[in-house]
Amino acid sequence: MTPPDGASSDAGARAAVARPAGFRPAADHGRPPEPDDLALPVAGRKLLTGPDEQPLRIGALPGHLAWTPVGTLDGIPAWAAEVTDPESLPGRWRSWRGLAAELPAPRADLAGRALAVVTWRRTHRWCGACRAELADVPGETARHCPNCDLTAFLPLSVAVLTAITRPGPAGGADELLLVRHAHGPTQLWALVAGFVEAGESLEAAVHREVAEEVGLTLARPVYVDSQPWALSGPGTLLAGFTAEVTDPAAEPLVDGTELTEARWFPADALPAELPPAYSLSRWLIDAVAARR
């Protein structure tokens, strides 16, 4: 029962404001870690998880770990730390791919950021211009050189991937172009993808990658969604598009370097070997299949 003065509802409203839902990146929590804060130990390319894959807490781990703020999850501060002796900690070490396949998106995004921040800190200890030791910039995911004033920020690599379609035969479903890559999960049928170059727009990158890898030209790409993707490296962001070929009779010509095969598939008869359900690539494929 709500008290006559409405105190409970006011407190609930304040709590809702103070505890935003989901994951939010942060470079400073304004205080040291506390026992109930979330903990993300990182060893190489793996993260430590607790029983039933529940988030670990700072208070449950050794006090010697050097914690770095990485964000909040449902308003709770989260910290990451590099672990050089993973066998000394109890729990299960998991790859980001395994975690992303099982966790809700906010927790997978938090894990990806923890991996990115820890990897960046390990590989950016020294100034690339004068070799002096870098110092953390308060409140930012950045490091500053006290000797030459260089500031190094956590890099973000953007990649585009495109669901390429063409009209199907009369009365038939549209067709979707799927490719097999020469590296990575080579058994999967996936989408044409590639990293954006400096000075290039997302749409220009789509046109260039498609022309380079399968020799096709497209109508204007339509942006659909984006996704942080730690599997392609710390700090990778995927931007997904759909686009229709300008010549429905054109057949793909694979480059032989990045791709080994490219084929048109009816949207209602796609192969079973598709990217995992938690990936942007699969979301785009499923969206094409759903609109048939």
Protein backbone atom coordinates (compact mmCIF):
# COMPACT_ATOMS: atom_id res chain seq x y z
CA MET A 1 0.00 0.00 0.00
CA THR A 2 1.33 3.46 -0.93
CA PRO A 3 1.75 5.85 2.05
CA PRO A 4 -0.49 8.93 1.98
CA ASP A 5 2.45 11.25 1.40
CA GLY A 6 3.49 9.36 -1.73
CA ALA A 7 7.05 8.83 -0.42
CA SER A 8 7.42 5.36 -1.92
CA SER A 9 6.40 6.39 -5.40
CA ASP A 10 8.76 9.40 -5.27
CA ALA A 11 11.63 7.18 -4.15
CA GLY A 12 10.83 4.74 -6.93
CA ALA A 13 10.87 7.53 -9.49
CA ARG A 14 14.24 8.77 -8.21
CA ALA A 15 15.63 5.24 -8.36
CA ALA A 16 14.43 4.88 -11.95
CA VAL A 17 16.26 8.07 -12.89
CA ALA A 18 19.42 7.08 -11.01
CA ARG A 19 19.52 3.56 -12.47
CA PRO A 20 19.18 3.79 -16.28
CA ALA A 21 18.47 0.49 -17.98
CA GLY A 22 20.92 -1.24 -20.26
CA PHE A 23 24.62 -0.68 -20.89
CA ARG A 24 26.25 2.72 -21.09
CA PRO A 25 29.99 3.23 -21.68
CA ALA A 26 31.85 5.36 -19.15
CA ALA A 27 35.46 6.32 -18.54
CA ASP A 28 35.06 7.58 -14.96
CA HIS A 29 32.79 6.60 -12.09
CA GLY A 30 33.94 9.43 -9.81
CA ARG A 31 34.96 7.01 -7.07
CA PRO A 32 36.99 3.84 -6.47
CA PRO A 33 35.47 0.39 -7.04
CA GLU A 34 33.02 -0.84 -4.41
CA PRO A 35 32.34 -4.48 -3.45
CA ASP A 36 28.96 -4.68 -5.20
CA ASP A 37 30.18 -3.14 -8.46
CA LEU A 38 30.42 -5.38 -11.51
CA ALA A 39 33.81 -6.94 -12.32
CA LEU A 40 35.10 -8.05 -15.73
CA PRO A 41 38.54 -9.68 -15.51
CA VAL A 42 40.19 -10.08 -18.94
CA ALA A 43 43.00 -12.45 -19.91
CA GLY A 44 44.07 -12.13 -23.52
CA ARG A 45 40.88 -12.49 -25.57
CA LYS A 46 38.81 -14.11 -22.82
CA LEU A 47 36.66 -12.88 -19.94
CA LEU A 48 36.02 -14.50 -16.57
CA THR A 49 32.43 -15.42 -15.66
CA GLY A 50 30.88 -16.67 -12.45
CA PRO A 51 28.43 -19.51 -11.77
CA ASP A 52 25.59 -19.67 -14.30
CA GLU A 53 27.36 -16.94 -16.28
CA GLN A 54 26.24 -14.32 -13.75
CA PRO A 55 28.31 -11.12 -13.53
CA LEU A 56 31.13 -11.17 -11.00
CA ARG A 57 31.39 -8.58 -8.24
CA ILE A 58 34.46 -6.61 -7.21
CA GLY A 59 34.23 -7.88 -3.63
CA ALA A 60 34.49 -11.52 -4.74
CA LEU A 61 37.89 -11.04 -6.43
CA PRO A 62 41.44 -10.40 -5.15
CA GLY A 63 42.20 -6.86 -4.06
CA HIS A 64 45.42 -6.55 -6.06
CA LEU A 65 43.69 -6.23 -9.45
CA ALA A 66 44.01 -2.81 -11.13
CA TRP A 67 40.43 -1.90 -12.07
CA THR A 68 39.55 0.45 -14.93
CA PRO A 69 36.04 1.92 -15.37
CA VAL A 70 34.28 0.70 -18.51
CA GLY A 71 30.62 1.68 -18.07
CA THR A 72 27.41 0.89 -16.24
CA LEU A 73 24.92 -1.95 -16.57
CA ASP A 74 21.42 -1.02 -15.40
CA GLY A 75 23.04 1.82 -13.47
CA ILE A 76 25.61 -0.36 -11.68
CA PRO A 77 29.25 0.69 -12.24
CA ALA A 78 31.36 -1.88 -14.07
CA TRP A 79 35.13 -2.25 -14.02
CA ALA A 80 37.62 -4.26 -16.07
CA ALA A 81 41.10 -5.49 -15.19
CA GLU A 82 43.85 -7.35 -17.02
CA VAL A 83 44.75 -10.71 -15.48
CA THR A 84 48.18 -12.13 -16.19
CA ASP A 85 47.70 -15.38 -14.23
CA PRO A 86 44.17 -16.53 -15.15
CA GLU A 87 44.52 -19.91 -13.42
CA SER A 88 44.71 -18.11 -10.07
CA LEU A 89 41.09 -16.96 -10.25
CA PRO A 90 38.08 -19.24 -9.79
CA GLY A 91 35.46 -19.23 -12.51
CA ARG A 92 35.15 -19.95 -16.19
CA TRP A 93 37.10 -18.12 -18.90
CA ARG A 94 34.96 -17.49 -21.97
CA SER A 95 35.52 -16.01 -25.41
CA TRP A 96 33.42 -13.02 -26.42
CA ARG A 97 31.82 -15.09 -29.18
CA GLY A 98 30.59 -17.64 -26.62
CA LEU A 99 29.28 -14.96 -24.29
CA ALA A 100 27.54 -12.97 -27.02
CA ALA A 101 25.72 -16.10 -28.16
CA GLU A 102 24.23 -16.62 -24.71
CA LEU A 103 23.93 -13.23 -22.99
CA PRO A 104 21.44 -10.40 -23.52
CA ALA A 105 22.79 -7.66 -25.80
CA PRO A 106 23.58 -5.15 -22.98
CA ARG A 107 25.82 -7.64 -21.18
CA ALA A 108 27.49 -8.75 -24.42
CA ASP A 109 28.16 -5.09 -25.30
CA LEU A 110 29.65 -4.48 -21.85
CA ALA A 111 31.89 -7.53 -22.23
CA GLY A 112 33.01 -6.29 -25.65
CA ARG A 113 33.91 -2.87 -24.27
CA ALA A 114 35.84 -4.43 -21.38
CA LEU A 115 37.83 -6.49 -23.86
CA ALA A 116 38.47 -3.42 -26.05
CA VAL A 117 39.58 -1.16 -23.18
CA VAL A 118 41.90 -3.72 -21.58
CA THR A 119 43.47 -4.64 -24.93
CA TRP A 120 43.98 -0.98 -25.84
CA ARG A 121 45.58 -0.17 -22.49
CA ARG A 122 47.97 -3.10 -22.83
CA THR A 123 49.03 -2.09 -26.35
CA HIS A 124 49.18 1.68 -25.76
CA ARG A 125 51.45 2.07 -22.77
CA TRP A 126 54.18 3.97 -24.64
CA CYS A 127 54.05 7.03 -26.90
CA GLY A 128 54.34 6.09 -30.56
CA ALA A 129 56.04 9.42 -31.37
CA CYS A 130 58.70 9.84 -28.67
CA ARG A 131 58.56 6.55 -26.68
CA ALA A 132 57.73 8.20 -23.36
CA GLU A 133 55.31 6.43 -21.01
CA LEU A 134 51.72 7.56 -21.50
CA ALA A 135 49.49 8.77 -18.65
CA ASP A 136 45.73 8.29 -18.34
CA VAL A 137 43.52 11.28 -19.17
CA PRO A 138 41.01 11.71 -16.30
CA GLY A 139 37.41 11.15 -17.37
CA GLU A 140 38.28 9.89 -20.86
CA THR A 141 39.30 6.63 -22.49
CA ALA A 142 42.52 8.24 -23.63
CA ARG A 143 46.20 8.48 -22.75
CA HIS A 144 48.43 11.55 -22.95
CA CYS A 145 52.17 11.86 -23.49
CA PRO A 146 53.74 14.26 -20.93
CA ASN A 147 56.79 14.63 -23.17
CA CYS A 148 55.40 15.56 -26.61
CA ASP A 149 51.69 16.23 -25.86
CA LEU A 150 50.40 13.40 -28.08
CA THR A 151 46.98 12.14 -27.00
CA ALA A 152 45.97 8.59 -27.93
CA PHE A 153 42.29 7.66 -27.88
CA LEU A 154 40.73 4.21 -27.92
CA PRO A 155 40.42 3.56 -31.68
CA LEU A 156 37.13 2.64 -33.31
CA SER A 157 37.17 0.55 -36.49
CA VAL A 158 34.00 0.67 -38.58
CA ALA A 159 33.03 -2.12 -40.95
CA VAL A 160 30.08 -2.29 -43.33
CA LEU A 161 28.13 -5.37 -44.35
CA THR A 162 25.43 -5.51 -46.98
CA ALA A 163 22.48 -7.76 -47.75
CA ILE A 164 22.52 -7.61 -51.56
CA THR A 165 19.27 -8.57 -53.32
CA ARG A 166 17.82 -8.86 -56.81
CA PRO A 167 14.28 -9.57 -58.04
CA GLY A 168 13.52 -13.26 -58.35
CA PRO A 169 11.90 -14.96 -61.31
CA ALA A 170 8.28 -14.04 -62.08
CA GLY A 171 6.16 -15.16 -59.17
CA GLY A 172 9.22 -16.19 -57.15
CA ALA A 173 10.91 -14.76 -54.09
CA ASP A 174 13.64 -12.13 -54.26
CA GLU A 175 17.15 -13.53 -54.23
CA LEU A 176 19.88 -12.80 -51.69
CA LEU A 177 23.61 -12.90 -52.44
CA LEU A 178 25.59 -14.95 -49.92
CA VAL A 179 29.33 -15.49 -49.87
CA ARG A 180 31.91 -17.72 -48.26
CA HIS A 181 35.03 -16.04 -46.89
CA ALA A 182 38.56 -17.31 -47.32
CA HIS A 183 39.31 -16.63 -43.65
CA GLY A 184 37.36 -16.93 -40.40
CA PRO A 185 34.32 -19.23 -40.29
CA THR A 186 34.80 -20.45 -43.87
CA GLN A 187 31.91 -22.91 -43.68
CA LEU A 188 29.28 -20.18 -43.24
CA TRP A 189 27.31 -18.40 -45.94
CA ALA A 190 27.59 -14.73 -45.00
CA LEU A 191 27.33 -11.19 -46.40
CA VAL A 192 29.85 -9.07 -48.26
CA ALA A 193 31.67 -6.99 -45.65
CA GLY A 194 34.74 -4.83 -45.20
CA PHE A 195 36.29 -2.03 -43.19
CA VAL A 196 35.70 1.64 -43.96
CA GLU A 197 38.77 3.54 -45.15
CA ALA A 198 39.80 6.98 -43.86
CA GLY A 199 38.00 9.72 -45.81
CA GLU A 200 35.25 7.34 -46.96
CA SER A 201 31.54 7.44 -46.15
CA LEU A 202 29.70 4.30 -45.07
CA GLU A 203 27.79 4.20 -48.35
CA ALA A 204 30.96 4.64 -50.40
CA ALA A 205 32.54 1.77 -48.49
CA VAL A 206 29.56 -0.44 -49.34
CA HIS A 207 29.91 0.31 -53.07
CA ARG A 208 33.69 -0.20 -53.01
CA GLU A 209 33.67 -3.48 -51.06
CA VAL A 210 30.91 -4.97 -53.23
CA ALA A 211 32.70 -3.95 -56.43
CA GLU A 212 36.03 -5.31 -55.18
CA GLU A 213 34.78 -8.60 -53.78
CA VAL A 214 31.98 -9.65 -56.16
CA GLY A 215 32.15 -7.21 -59.09
CA LEU A 216 28.56 -5.94 -58.76
CA THR A 217 27.13 -2.42 -58.81
CA LEU A 218 24.34 -1.36 -56.47
CA ALA A 219 21.53 1.10 -56.19
CA ARG A 220 21.79 3.40 -53.17
CA PRO A 221 22.37 1.34 -49.99
CA VAL A 222 19.78 1.68 -47.23
CA TYR A 223 21.06 1.78 -43.66
CA VAL A 224 19.38 -0.73 -41.30
CA ASP A 225 21.22 -1.08 -37.97
CA SER A 226 24.59 -1.26 -36.22
CA GLN A 227 26.26 -3.52 -33.67
CA PRO A 228 29.48 -3.48 -31.63
CA TRP A 229 31.40 -6.57 -32.69
CA ALA A 230 34.35 -7.61 -30.52
CA LEU A 231 34.91 -10.76 -32.58
CA SER A 232 36.50 -8.74 -35.40
CA GLY A 233 38.82 -7.04 -32.93
CA PRO A 234 38.50 -4.68 -29.95
CA GLY A 235 36.70 -1.48 -30.89
CA THR A 236 34.95 -2.76 -34.01
CA LEU A 237 31.53 -1.36 -34.96
CA LEU A 238 29.42 -2.96 -37.69
CA ALA A 239 27.05 -0.92 -39.85
CA GLY A 240 24.48 -2.94 -41.76
CA PHE A 241 22.84 -2.06 -45.08
CA THR A 242 20.53 -3.55 -47.68
CA ALA A 243 20.92 -2.78 -51.37
CA GLU A 244 19.61 -4.03 -54.71
CA VAL A 245 21.86 -4.66 -57.70
CA THR A 246 21.49 -2.31 -60.65
CA ASP A 247 21.60 -5.21 -63.14
CA PRO A 248 19.43 -8.16 -62.05
CA ALA A 249 21.10 -10.38 -64.65
CA ALA A 250 24.62 -9.78 -63.32
CA GLU A 251 26.43 -12.69 -61.69
CA PRO A 252 29.01 -12.29 -58.92
CA LEU A 253 32.71 -12.70 -59.66
CA VAL A 254 34.64 -13.49 -56.48
CA ASP A 255 38.02 -11.86 -55.94
CA GLY A 256 39.66 -15.14 -54.96
CA THR A 257 41.49 -13.44 -52.09
CA GLU A 258 38.89 -12.56 -49.47
CA LEU A 259 36.09 -14.73 -50.87
CA THR A 260 36.02 -18.29 -52.17
CA GLU A 261 32.41 -18.48 -53.37
CA ALA A 262 29.35 -16.28 -54.02
CA ARG A 263 25.84 -17.44 -54.96
CA TRP A 264 22.31 -16.14 -55.29
CA PHE A 265 19.79 -17.88 -53.03
CA PRO A 266 15.98 -17.50 -53.10
CA ALA A 267 14.96 -15.70 -49.92
CA ASP A 268 12.60 -18.57 -49.11
CA ALA A 269 15.26 -21.25 -49.59
CA LEU A 270 18.35 -20.04 -47.73
CA PRO A 271 21.10 -22.48 -46.69
CA ALA A 272 21.36 -23.74 -43.12
CA GLU A 273 24.98 -22.61 -42.69
CA LEU A 274 24.24 -18.99 -41.75
CA PRO A 275 25.87 -16.60 -39.25
CA PRO A 276 24.82 -16.90 -35.58
CA ALA A 277 21.49 -15.46 -34.49
CA TYR A 278 23.10 -12.79 -32.30
CA SER A 279 24.97 -11.18 -35.22
CA LEU A 280 23.98 -8.17 -37.32
CA SER A 281 24.74 -10.25 -40.41
CA ARG A 282 22.01 -12.70 -39.42
CA TRP A 283 19.56 -9.92 -38.58
CA LEU A 284 19.94 -8.54 -42.11
CA ILE A 285 19.56 -12.00 -43.67
CA ASP A 286 16.46 -12.72 -41.59
CA ALA A 287 14.98 -9.33 -42.51
CA VAL A 288 15.32 -10.12 -46.22
CA ALA A 289 13.80 -13.57 -45.69
CA ALA A 290 10.90 -12.11 -43.69
CA ARG A 291 9.85 -9.63 -46.37
CA ARG A 292 9.41 -12.28 -49.07
